[in-house]
Amino acid sequence: MKRLLTALFFGVILFSRVCSVYATTIEYSVNNLSGNSWEYMYTVKNDTALANLSDFVIYFPEVSGSTVFDYSNITITGNPDSTNWNISAAQPSAIDLGGYIDALATLPLAAGAAVGGFKVSFDYTGNGTPGSQQFEIYNSSSQLPIDTGNTVFAQQEPTVPEPSTLLLLGLGLTGWLFGRKKRRVNSMCEIQN
């Protein structure tokens, strides 16, 4: 029974690793430059299993169900590598129903790699702070979308304090002593029987 449970446990672990979902992540941070002027900073992470990333679009949408635009004057202010990434900005219009930035790489971003430094300034007339945006990843050959999602706010990773070496050593010795005591009690019970 114990072998069956162990095999089942490792089977579930292996299955979950094989079936893990990989996707592209675009993280953003936002700064208020002054008044209605804002700036997004993006980091693109290619977490796909095998595909190289060479073309993505981030949308600056209109107010839902209307042709009123919260975003205007969309301008590229930072490019991580202008020799590799060609980035263009399209302003909101009644035809496109929102603005967007389009980034095309001459050398694709390899699977598992990340690149930061994309910066876009814009005027924002909506309420509060500008937030998450929709993006699409395109196959550079067929120009068909292969991944979609929403940008994710880049939060500061909380620092996790590591336990001290002496605490770990003390816990290890305590466990070892209790294990020895249990074995001694078990062996004395066997001798008495």
N, C-alpha and C. Protein backbone atom coordinates (compact mmCIF):
# COMPACT_ATOMS: atom_id res chain seq x y z
N MET A 1 0.82 -1.20 0.00
CA MET A 1 0.00 0.00 0.00
C MET A 1 0.87 1.26 0.00
N LYS A 2 1.95 1.18 0.80
CA LYS A 2 2.85 2.33 0.89
C LYS A 2 3.51 2.62 -0.46
N ARG A 3 3.88 1.56 -1.19
CA ARG A 3 4.49 1.75 -2.51
C ARG A 3 3.51 2.36 -3.49
N LEU A 4 2.25 1.93 -3.41
CA LEU A 4 1.22 2.46 -4.30
C LEU A 4 1.01 3.95 -4.05
N LEU A 5 0.95 4.34 -2.78
CA LEU A 5 0.77 5.76 -2.44
C LEU A 5 1.98 6.59 -2.88
N THR A 6 3.17 6.04 -2.71
CA THR A 6 4.37 6.75 -3.13
C THR A 6 4.39 6.93 -4.64
N ALA A 7 4.06 5.86 -5.37
CA ALA A 7 4.02 5.95 -6.83
C ALA A 7 2.96 6.94 -7.29
N LEU A 8 1.80 6.93 -6.64
CA LEU A 8 0.73 7.86 -6.98
C LEU A 8 1.16 9.30 -6.71
N PHE A 9 1.82 9.54 -5.58
CA PHE A 9 2.31 10.88 -5.23
C PHE A 9 3.27 11.40 -6.30
N PHE A 10 4.26 10.58 -6.66
CA PHE A 10 5.24 11.02 -7.65
C PHE A 10 4.62 11.14 -9.04
N GLY A 11 3.62 10.31 -9.34
CA GLY A 11 2.90 10.42 -10.60
C GLY A 11 2.16 11.74 -10.72
N VAL A 12 1.51 12.16 -9.62
CA VAL A 12 0.80 13.44 -9.61
C VAL A 12 1.78 14.59 -9.77
N ILE A 13 2.90 14.53 -9.08
CA ILE A 13 3.93 15.58 -9.19
C ILE A 13 4.44 15.67 -10.63
N LEU A 14 4.76 14.54 -11.23
CA LEU A 14 5.26 14.52 -12.60
C LEU A 14 4.21 15.04 -13.57
N PHE A 15 2.96 14.61 -13.41
CA PHE A 15 1.88 15.05 -14.28
C PHE A 15 1.68 16.55 -14.18
N SER A 16 1.73 17.10 -12.97
CA SER A 16 1.53 18.54 -12.80
C SER A 16 2.67 19.33 -13.42
N ARG A 17 3.89 18.80 -13.41
CA ARG A 17 5.02 19.49 -14.03
C ARG A 17 4.91 19.47 -15.55
N VAL A 18 4.48 18.34 -16.10
CA VAL A 18 4.35 18.22 -17.55
C VAL A 18 3.22 19.09 -18.07
N CYS A 19 2.14 19.19 -17.30
CA CYS A 19 0.95 19.93 -17.75
C CYS A 19 0.95 21.38 -17.30
N SER A 20 2.07 21.88 -16.81
CA SER A 20 2.11 23.27 -16.38
C SER A 20 1.81 24.18 -17.55
N VAL A 21 1.11 25.25 -17.28
CA VAL A 21 0.75 26.21 -18.32
C VAL A 21 1.86 27.25 -18.41
N TYR A 22 2.32 27.46 -19.61
CA TYR A 22 3.32 28.48 -19.85
C TYR A 22 2.67 29.60 -20.65
N ALA A 23 2.97 30.81 -20.31
CA ALA A 23 2.38 31.94 -21.02
C ALA A 23 3.35 33.11 -20.97
N THR A 24 3.08 34.08 -21.80
CA THR A 24 3.87 35.30 -21.79
C THR A 24 3.34 36.21 -20.69
N THR A 25 4.23 36.84 -19.97
CA THR A 25 3.84 37.79 -18.93
C THR A 25 4.42 39.15 -19.29
N ILE A 26 3.58 40.17 -19.23
CA ILE A 26 4.07 41.54 -19.40
C ILE A 26 3.74 42.27 -18.11
N GLU A 27 4.79 42.63 -17.39
CA GLU A 27 4.63 43.37 -16.13
C GLU A 27 4.74 44.86 -16.41
N TYR A 28 4.01 45.64 -15.64
CA TYR A 28 4.09 47.09 -15.82
C TYR A 28 4.23 47.77 -14.47
N SER A 29 4.82 48.95 -14.51
CA SER A 29 4.76 49.88 -13.40
C SER A 29 4.33 51.20 -14.01
N VAL A 30 3.74 52.06 -13.22
CA VAL A 30 3.20 53.31 -13.75
C VAL A 30 3.64 54.46 -12.86
N ASN A 31 4.05 55.56 -13.48
CA ASN A 31 4.47 56.76 -12.76
C ASN A 31 3.69 57.96 -13.27
N ASN A 32 3.27 58.81 -12.34
CA ASN A 32 2.64 60.06 -12.72
C ASN A 32 3.74 61.07 -12.96
N LEU A 33 3.87 61.56 -14.20
CA LEU A 33 4.92 62.52 -14.53
C LEU A 33 4.53 63.92 -14.06
N SER A 34 3.28 64.29 -14.32
CA SER A 34 2.72 65.55 -13.83
C SER A 34 1.29 65.68 -14.34
N GLY A 35 0.39 66.11 -13.51
CA GLY A 35 -1.00 66.30 -13.93
C GLY A 35 -1.59 65.05 -14.56
N ASN A 36 -1.99 65.16 -15.83
CA ASN A 36 -2.56 64.02 -16.56
C ASN A 36 -1.51 63.23 -17.34
N SER A 37 -0.24 63.58 -17.20
CA SER A 37 0.83 62.89 -17.93
C SER A 37 1.35 61.71 -17.11
N TRP A 38 1.36 60.54 -17.73
CA TRP A 38 1.77 59.30 -17.07
C TRP A 38 2.79 58.58 -17.92
N GLU A 39 3.45 57.60 -17.30
CA GLU A 39 4.39 56.76 -18.04
C GLU A 39 4.27 55.31 -17.55
N TYR A 40 4.10 54.40 -18.51
CA TYR A 40 4.16 52.96 -18.23
C TYR A 40 5.58 52.49 -18.51
N MET A 41 6.06 51.58 -17.67
CA MET A 41 7.32 50.88 -17.92
C MET A 41 7.00 49.39 -17.96
N TYR A 42 7.41 48.70 -19.01
CA TYR A 42 7.05 47.30 -19.21
C TYR A 42 8.28 46.40 -19.18
N THR A 43 8.08 45.19 -18.64
CA THR A 43 9.05 44.10 -18.75
C THR A 43 8.31 42.93 -19.36
N VAL A 44 8.84 42.39 -20.43
CA VAL A 44 8.22 41.26 -21.13
C VAL A 44 8.98 40.00 -20.77
N LYS A 45 8.24 38.98 -20.29
CA LYS A 45 8.84 37.70 -19.92
C LYS A 45 8.26 36.62 -20.81
N ASN A 46 9.13 35.98 -21.56
CA ASN A 46 8.71 34.90 -22.45
C ASN A 46 8.74 33.58 -21.67
N ASP A 47 7.64 33.26 -21.00
CA ASP A 47 7.53 32.04 -20.22
C ASP A 47 6.93 30.89 -21.02
N THR A 48 6.90 31.02 -22.34
CA THR A 48 6.37 29.95 -23.17
C THR A 48 7.35 28.78 -23.16
N ALA A 49 6.83 27.61 -23.45
CA ALA A 49 7.67 26.41 -23.39
C ALA A 49 8.75 26.39 -24.47
N LEU A 50 8.38 26.69 -25.69
CA LEU A 50 9.33 26.55 -26.79
C LEU A 50 9.42 27.75 -27.71
N ALA A 51 8.37 28.55 -27.79
CA ALA A 51 8.28 29.58 -28.82
C ALA A 51 9.15 30.79 -28.51
N ASN A 52 9.71 31.36 -29.56
CA ASN A 52 10.41 32.63 -29.45
C ASN A 52 9.40 33.75 -29.63
N LEU A 53 9.57 34.83 -28.90
CA LEU A 53 8.64 35.96 -28.94
C LEU A 53 9.26 37.06 -29.78
N SER A 54 8.53 37.50 -30.81
CA SER A 54 9.10 38.55 -31.65
C SER A 54 8.11 39.66 -31.97
N ASP A 55 6.85 39.56 -31.56
CA ASP A 55 5.88 40.60 -31.89
C ASP A 55 4.79 40.63 -30.83
N PHE A 56 4.60 41.80 -30.21
CA PHE A 56 3.50 41.94 -29.27
C PHE A 56 2.86 43.32 -29.41
N VAL A 57 1.58 43.38 -29.03
CA VAL A 57 0.81 44.62 -29.08
C VAL A 57 0.17 44.82 -27.72
N ILE A 58 0.28 46.04 -27.18
CA ILE A 58 -0.40 46.40 -25.92
C ILE A 58 -1.41 47.48 -26.27
N TYR A 59 -2.65 47.27 -25.82
CA TYR A 59 -3.76 48.15 -26.19
C TYR A 59 -4.03 49.21 -25.13
N PHE A 60 -4.38 50.41 -25.61
CA PHE A 60 -4.83 51.53 -24.77
C PHE A 60 -6.30 51.74 -25.13
N PRO A 61 -7.22 51.11 -24.41
CA PRO A 61 -8.62 51.04 -24.85
C PRO A 61 -9.40 52.33 -24.63
N GLU A 62 -10.52 52.41 -25.34
CA GLU A 62 -11.48 53.49 -25.13
C GLU A 62 -12.34 53.14 -23.92
N VAL A 63 -13.13 54.08 -23.47
CA VAL A 63 -14.09 53.80 -22.41
C VAL A 63 -15.09 52.79 -22.97
N SER A 64 -15.37 51.75 -22.20
CA SER A 64 -16.21 50.66 -22.68
C SER A 64 -17.54 51.14 -23.26
N GLY A 65 -17.82 50.70 -24.48
CA GLY A 65 -19.10 50.99 -25.12
C GLY A 65 -19.24 52.39 -25.69
N SER A 66 -18.14 53.11 -25.85
CA SER A 66 -18.24 54.46 -26.42
C SER A 66 -16.99 54.75 -27.25
N THR A 67 -16.94 55.94 -27.81
CA THR A 67 -15.74 56.36 -28.53
C THR A 67 -15.02 57.46 -27.76
N VAL A 68 -15.20 57.46 -26.43
CA VAL A 68 -14.48 58.40 -25.56
C VAL A 68 -13.18 57.72 -25.14
N PHE A 69 -12.08 58.43 -25.28
CA PHE A 69 -10.78 57.84 -25.01
C PHE A 69 -10.19 58.42 -23.73
N ASP A 70 -9.74 57.53 -22.83
CA ASP A 70 -9.03 57.95 -21.63
C ASP A 70 -7.56 58.22 -21.91
N TYR A 71 -7.04 57.65 -22.99
CA TYR A 71 -5.63 57.77 -23.33
C TYR A 71 -5.46 58.64 -24.57
N SER A 72 -4.42 59.47 -24.56
CA SER A 72 -4.08 60.26 -25.75
C SER A 72 -2.58 60.56 -25.70
N ASN A 73 -2.07 61.08 -26.80
CA ASN A 73 -0.64 61.44 -26.90
C ASN A 73 0.28 60.28 -26.50
N ILE A 74 0.00 59.10 -27.01
CA ILE A 74 0.81 57.92 -26.71
C ILE A 74 2.15 58.05 -27.43
N THR A 75 3.25 58.02 -26.65
CA THR A 75 4.58 58.25 -27.20
C THR A 75 5.55 57.23 -26.62
N ILE A 76 6.39 56.65 -27.47
CA ILE A 76 7.43 55.74 -27.02
C ILE A 76 8.55 56.58 -26.42
N THR A 77 8.88 56.34 -25.14
CA THR A 77 9.94 57.12 -24.48
C THR A 77 11.13 56.26 -24.10
N GLY A 78 11.02 54.94 -24.23
CA GLY A 78 12.14 54.07 -23.90
C GLY A 78 12.08 52.79 -24.69
N ASN A 79 13.23 52.40 -25.21
CA ASN A 79 13.34 51.18 -26.00
C ASN A 79 14.56 50.43 -25.47
N PRO A 80 14.39 49.18 -25.01
CA PRO A 80 15.52 48.48 -24.41
C PRO A 80 16.68 48.26 -25.36
N ASP A 81 16.38 48.14 -26.65
CA ASP A 81 17.42 47.88 -27.63
C ASP A 81 16.89 48.31 -28.99
N SER A 82 17.17 49.55 -29.35
CA SER A 82 16.59 50.09 -30.58
C SER A 82 17.12 49.41 -31.84
N THR A 83 18.24 48.69 -31.73
CA THR A 83 18.73 47.97 -32.91
C THR A 83 17.97 46.66 -33.09
N ASN A 84 17.32 46.16 -32.04
CA ASN A 84 16.59 44.90 -32.13
C ASN A 84 15.07 45.09 -32.13
N TRP A 85 14.56 46.05 -31.38
CA TRP A 85 13.12 46.24 -31.25
C TRP A 85 12.66 47.48 -32.02
N ASN A 86 11.72 47.28 -32.92
CA ASN A 86 11.07 48.38 -33.62
C ASN A 86 9.71 48.58 -32.95
N ILE A 87 9.52 49.73 -32.32
CA ILE A 87 8.29 49.99 -31.58
C ILE A 87 7.59 51.20 -32.19
N SER A 88 6.30 51.04 -32.41
CA SER A 88 5.51 52.15 -32.93
C SER A 88 4.28 52.34 -32.06
N ALA A 89 3.78 53.57 -32.03
CA ALA A 89 2.59 53.90 -31.25
C ALA A 89 1.51 54.39 -32.19
N ALA A 90 0.27 53.94 -31.95
CA ALA A 90 -0.88 54.39 -32.72
C ALA A 90 -1.83 55.11 -31.76
N GLN A 91 -2.26 56.28 -32.16
CA GLN A 91 -3.14 57.08 -31.32
C GLN A 91 -4.58 56.56 -31.42
N PRO A 92 -5.38 56.76 -30.37
CA PRO A 92 -6.79 56.36 -30.42
C PRO A 92 -7.52 57.07 -31.55
N SER A 93 -8.39 56.34 -32.21
CA SER A 93 -9.22 56.93 -33.27
C SER A 93 -10.54 56.16 -33.34
N ALA A 94 -11.52 56.76 -33.96
CA ALA A 94 -12.82 56.10 -34.09
C ALA A 94 -12.71 54.84 -34.94
N ILE A 95 -11.70 54.76 -35.80
CA ILE A 95 -11.53 53.58 -36.65
C ILE A 95 -10.96 52.41 -35.84
N ASP A 96 -9.89 52.67 -35.07
CA ASP A 96 -9.22 51.60 -34.31
C ASP A 96 -9.86 51.35 -32.95
N LEU A 97 -10.70 52.29 -32.48
CA LEU A 97 -11.34 52.18 -31.17
C LEU A 97 -10.33 52.04 -30.03
N GLY A 98 -9.29 52.80 -30.09
CA GLY A 98 -8.29 52.80 -29.02
C GLY A 98 -6.90 52.85 -29.61
N GLY A 99 -5.95 53.25 -28.79
CA GLY A 99 -4.57 53.29 -29.25
C GLY A 99 -3.86 52.00 -28.89
N TYR A 100 -2.62 51.88 -29.37
CA TYR A 100 -1.83 50.70 -29.05
C TYR A 100 -0.37 50.99 -29.33
N ILE A 101 0.48 50.14 -28.76
CA ILE A 101 1.88 50.12 -29.16
C ILE A 101 2.14 48.75 -29.76
N ASP A 102 2.96 48.73 -30.78
CA ASP A 102 3.31 47.49 -31.46
C ASP A 102 4.83 47.36 -31.42
N ALA A 103 5.32 46.25 -30.89
CA ALA A 103 6.76 46.02 -30.80
C ALA A 103 7.13 44.78 -31.61
N LEU A 104 8.08 44.95 -32.50
CA LEU A 104 8.54 43.88 -33.36
C LEU A 104 10.05 43.74 -33.21
N ALA A 105 10.48 42.51 -32.94
CA ALA A 105 11.92 42.26 -32.73
C ALA A 105 12.53 41.64 -33.97
N THR A 106 13.74 42.09 -34.32
CA THR A 106 14.46 41.46 -35.42
C THR A 106 15.12 40.16 -34.94
N LEU A 107 15.51 40.12 -33.66
CA LEU A 107 16.02 38.90 -33.03
C LEU A 107 15.03 38.52 -31.94
N PRO A 108 14.31 37.40 -32.08
CA PRO A 108 13.26 37.05 -31.13
C PRO A 108 13.78 36.85 -29.71
N LEU A 109 12.88 37.08 -28.76
CA LEU A 109 13.16 36.84 -27.34
C LEU A 109 13.00 35.35 -27.09
N ALA A 110 14.07 34.68 -26.70
CA ALA A 110 14.06 33.23 -26.54
C ALA A 110 13.14 32.80 -25.40
N ALA A 111 12.69 31.55 -25.47
CA ALA A 111 11.86 30.98 -24.42
C ALA A 111 12.61 31.05 -23.09
N GLY A 112 11.92 31.53 -22.06
CA GLY A 112 12.52 31.66 -20.74
C GLY A 112 13.25 32.97 -20.50
N ALA A 113 13.39 33.79 -21.51
CA ALA A 113 14.12 35.06 -21.37
C ALA A 113 13.16 36.21 -21.06
N ALA A 114 13.72 37.32 -20.62
CA ALA A 114 12.94 38.52 -20.32
C ALA A 114 13.71 39.75 -20.79
N VAL A 115 12.94 40.80 -21.11
CA VAL A 115 13.55 42.08 -21.48
C VAL A 115 12.71 43.20 -20.89
N GLY A 116 13.37 44.16 -20.29
CA GLY A 116 12.69 45.31 -19.71
C GLY A 116 13.16 46.58 -20.36
N GLY A 117 12.57 47.69 -19.98
CA GLY A 117 13.00 48.97 -20.51
C GLY A 117 12.07 49.58 -21.54
N PHE A 118 10.95 48.92 -21.82
CA PHE A 118 9.96 49.53 -22.71
C PHE A 118 9.24 50.62 -21.92
N LYS A 119 9.25 51.85 -22.43
CA LYS A 119 8.59 52.96 -21.74
C LYS A 119 7.67 53.69 -22.70
N VAL A 120 6.48 54.02 -22.20
CA VAL A 120 5.48 54.71 -23.00
C VAL A 120 4.88 55.82 -22.15
N SER A 121 4.92 57.06 -22.66
CA SER A 121 4.26 58.16 -21.95
C SER A 121 2.94 58.45 -22.65
N PHE A 122 2.00 59.01 -21.89
CA PHE A 122 0.67 59.27 -22.43
C PHE A 122 -0.07 60.22 -21.50
N ASP A 123 -1.13 60.79 -22.00
CA ASP A 123 -2.04 61.59 -21.18
C ASP A 123 -3.22 60.71 -20.82
N TYR A 124 -3.64 60.77 -19.56
CA TYR A 124 -4.72 59.93 -19.07
C TYR A 124 -5.76 60.81 -18.41
N THR A 125 -7.00 60.73 -18.91
CA THR A 125 -8.08 61.55 -18.35
C THR A 125 -9.11 60.71 -17.60
N GLY A 126 -8.82 59.44 -17.40
CA GLY A 126 -9.73 58.57 -16.66
C GLY A 126 -9.63 58.83 -15.16
N ASN A 127 -10.41 58.07 -14.41
CA ASN A 127 -10.42 58.20 -12.95
C ASN A 127 -9.30 57.37 -12.34
N GLY A 128 -8.68 57.91 -11.32
CA GLY A 128 -7.65 57.15 -10.60
C GLY A 128 -6.37 56.98 -11.39
N THR A 129 -5.70 55.87 -11.11
CA THR A 129 -4.42 55.55 -11.74
C THR A 129 -4.66 54.60 -12.91
N PRO A 130 -3.98 54.81 -14.03
CA PRO A 130 -4.11 53.85 -15.14
C PRO A 130 -3.71 52.45 -14.66
N GLY A 131 -4.40 51.45 -15.17
CA GLY A 131 -4.15 50.09 -14.69
C GLY A 131 -3.74 49.12 -15.77
N SER A 132 -4.16 47.89 -15.59
CA SER A 132 -3.81 46.79 -16.47
C SER A 132 -4.39 46.99 -17.87
N GLN A 133 -3.66 46.47 -18.85
CA GLN A 133 -4.07 46.59 -20.25
C GLN A 133 -4.05 45.21 -20.91
N GLN A 134 -4.83 45.08 -21.95
CA GLN A 134 -4.83 43.84 -22.71
C GLN A 134 -3.63 43.84 -23.67
N PHE A 135 -3.06 42.65 -23.88
CA PHE A 135 -1.99 42.51 -24.87
C PHE A 135 -2.22 41.26 -25.70
N GLU A 136 -1.60 41.22 -26.85
CA GLU A 136 -1.61 40.05 -27.72
C GLU A 136 -0.19 39.79 -28.20
N ILE A 137 0.15 38.51 -28.29
CA ILE A 137 1.42 38.07 -28.83
C ILE A 137 1.11 37.47 -30.20
N TYR A 138 1.87 37.87 -31.21
CA TYR A 138 1.61 37.41 -32.58
C TYR A 138 2.73 36.52 -33.08
N ASN A 139 2.36 35.57 -33.91
CA ASN A 139 3.32 34.79 -34.64
C ASN A 139 3.86 35.69 -35.75
N SER A 140 5.17 35.90 -35.78
CA SER A 140 5.73 36.86 -36.73
C SER A 140 5.60 36.38 -38.17
N SER A 141 5.46 35.09 -38.40
CA SER A 141 5.32 34.58 -39.77
C SER A 141 3.88 34.70 -40.27
N SER A 142 2.94 34.19 -39.48
CA SER A 142 1.54 34.16 -39.94
C SER A 142 0.75 35.40 -39.54
N GLN A 143 1.28 36.18 -38.62
CA GLN A 143 0.59 37.36 -38.08
C GLN A 143 -0.73 37.00 -37.37
N LEU A 144 -0.80 35.78 -36.87
CA LEU A 144 -1.96 35.35 -36.10
C LEU A 144 -1.62 35.41 -34.61
N PRO A 145 -2.60 35.80 -33.76
CA PRO A 145 -2.32 35.83 -32.32
C PRO A 145 -2.07 34.43 -31.78
N ILE A 146 -1.02 34.27 -30.97
CA ILE A 146 -0.72 32.98 -30.35
C ILE A 146 -0.88 33.02 -28.84
N ASP A 147 -1.02 34.21 -28.26
CA ASP A 147 -1.20 34.34 -26.82
C ASP A 147 -1.85 35.69 -26.54
N THR A 148 -2.71 35.74 -25.55
CA THR A 148 -3.33 36.99 -25.12
C THR A 148 -3.33 37.03 -23.61
N GLY A 149 -3.49 38.20 -23.07
CA GLY A 149 -3.54 38.34 -21.61
C GLY A 149 -3.67 39.79 -21.22
N ASN A 150 -3.51 40.04 -19.94
CA ASN A 150 -3.51 41.40 -19.40
C ASN A 150 -2.19 41.65 -18.71
N THR A 151 -1.71 42.88 -18.84
CA THR A 151 -0.47 43.24 -18.15
C THR A 151 -0.68 43.09 -16.65
N VAL A 152 0.40 42.79 -15.95
CA VAL A 152 0.36 42.53 -14.51
C VAL A 152 1.21 43.58 -13.81
N PHE A 153 0.67 44.15 -12.72
CA PHE A 153 1.41 45.16 -11.97
C PHE A 153 2.66 44.52 -11.37
N ALA A 154 3.80 45.14 -11.60
CA ALA A 154 5.08 44.62 -11.09
C ALA A 154 5.24 45.04 -9.64
N GLN A 155 4.93 44.13 -8.74
CA GLN A 155 5.04 44.41 -7.32
C GLN A 155 6.44 44.10 -6.84
N GLN A 156 6.83 44.79 -5.80
CA GLN A 156 8.11 44.48 -5.18
C GLN A 156 8.00 43.13 -4.50
N GLU A 157 8.97 42.28 -4.75
CA GLU A 157 8.99 40.97 -4.12
C GLU A 157 9.33 41.17 -2.63
N PRO A 158 8.49 40.62 -1.73
CA PRO A 158 8.83 40.75 -0.32
C PRO A 158 10.07 39.92 0.00
N THR A 159 10.94 40.49 0.77
CA THR A 159 12.13 39.75 1.15
C THR A 159 11.77 38.79 2.27
N VAL A 160 12.15 37.55 2.10
CA VAL A 160 11.86 36.52 3.09
C VAL A 160 13.13 36.28 3.88
N PRO A 161 13.08 36.55 5.18
CA PRO A 161 14.30 36.33 5.97
C PRO A 161 14.62 34.83 6.05
N GLU A 162 15.88 34.51 5.87
CA GLU A 162 16.29 33.11 5.95
C GLU A 162 16.56 32.75 7.40
N PRO A 163 16.16 31.53 7.82
CA PRO A 163 16.44 31.13 9.20
C PRO A 163 17.94 31.02 9.43
N SER A 164 18.32 31.30 10.64
CA SER A 164 19.77 31.25 10.92
C SER A 164 20.26 29.81 10.91
N THR A 165 21.52 29.66 10.65
CA THR A 165 22.14 28.34 10.57
C THR A 165 22.03 27.61 11.90
N LEU A 166 22.23 28.33 13.01
CA LEU A 166 22.15 27.68 14.32
C LEU A 166 20.75 27.16 14.61
N LEU A 167 19.72 27.90 14.20
CA LEU A 167 18.35 27.43 14.41
C LEU A 167 18.11 26.15 13.63
N LEU A 168 18.55 26.10 12.38
CA LEU A 168 18.39 24.88 11.59
C LEU A 168 19.18 23.72 12.19
N LEU A 169 20.38 23.98 12.65
CA LEU A 169 21.19 22.94 13.27
C LEU A 169 20.51 22.43 14.54
N GLY A 170 19.97 23.34 15.34
CA GLY A 170 19.27 22.95 16.57
C GLY A 170 18.04 22.10 16.28
N LEU A 171 17.26 22.48 15.26
CA LEU A 171 16.08 21.69 14.89
C LEU A 171 16.49 20.31 14.40
N GLY A 172 17.56 20.24 13.63
CA GLY A 172 18.05 18.94 13.14
C GLY A 172 18.49 18.04 14.27
N LEU A 173 19.25 18.57 15.22
CA LEU A 173 19.69 17.78 16.37
C LEU A 173 18.51 17.32 17.23
N THR A 174 17.53 18.21 17.42
CA THR A 174 16.34 17.84 18.20
C THR A 174 15.61 16.68 17.53
N GLY A 175 15.42 16.75 16.24
CA GLY A 175 14.76 15.67 15.52
C GLY A 175 15.54 14.37 15.60
N TRP A 176 16.85 14.46 15.49
CA TRP A 176 17.70 13.28 15.57
C TRP A 176 17.60 12.64 16.95
N LEU A 177 17.61 13.46 18.02
CA LEU A 177 17.50 12.93 19.39
C LEU A 177 16.15 12.26 19.63
N PHE A 178 15.07 12.88 19.16
CA PHE A 178 13.75 12.26 19.33
C PHE A 178 13.67 10.95 18.55
N GLY A 179 14.29 10.90 17.39
CA GLY A 179 14.32 9.66 16.60
C GLY A 179 15.07 8.55 17.33
N ARG A 180 16.19 8.89 17.94
CA ARG A 180 16.96 7.91 18.71
C ARG A 180 16.17 7.42 19.90
N LYS A 181 15.48 8.36 20.59
CA LYS A 181 14.71 7.99 21.78
C LYS A 181 13.58 7.04 21.39
N LYS A 182 12.92 7.31 20.28
CA LYS A 182 11.81 6.47 19.83
C LYS A 182 12.32 5.07 19.49
N ARG A 183 13.47 4.98 18.82
CA ARG A 183 14.03 3.67 18.48
C ARG A 183 14.41 2.90 19.75
N ARG A 184 14.95 3.61 20.75
CA ARG A 184 15.34 2.96 22.00
C ARG A 184 14.11 2.42 22.72
N VAL A 185 13.02 3.19 22.77
CA VAL A 185 11.79 2.74 23.42
C VAL A 185 11.22 1.54 22.67
N ASN A 186 11.22 1.57 21.35
CA ASN A 186 10.71 0.45 20.54
C ASN A 186 11.54 -0.81 20.77
N SER A 187 12.85 -0.67 20.83
CA SER A 187 13.71 -1.85 21.04
C SER A 187 13.52 -2.40 22.45
N MET A 188 13.27 -1.55 23.45
CA MET A 188 13.04 -2.05 24.82
C MET A 188 11.71 -2.78 24.90
N CYS A 189 10.71 -2.31 24.16
CA CYS A 189 9.40 -2.99 24.13
C CYS A 189 9.55 -4.38 23.52
N GLU A 190 10.38 -4.52 22.48
CA GLU A 190 10.59 -5.80 21.85
C GLU A 190 11.31 -6.76 22.77
N ILE A 191 12.26 -6.26 23.57
CA ILE A 191 13.01 -7.10 24.50
C ILE A 191 12.06 -7.63 25.58
N GLN A 192 11.13 -6.80 26.06
CA GLN A 192 10.21 -7.20 27.12
C GLN A 192 9.22 -8.25 26.62
N ASN A 193 8.88 -8.20 25.34
CA ASN A 193 7.94 -9.19 24.80
C ASN A 193 8.66 -10.45 24.53
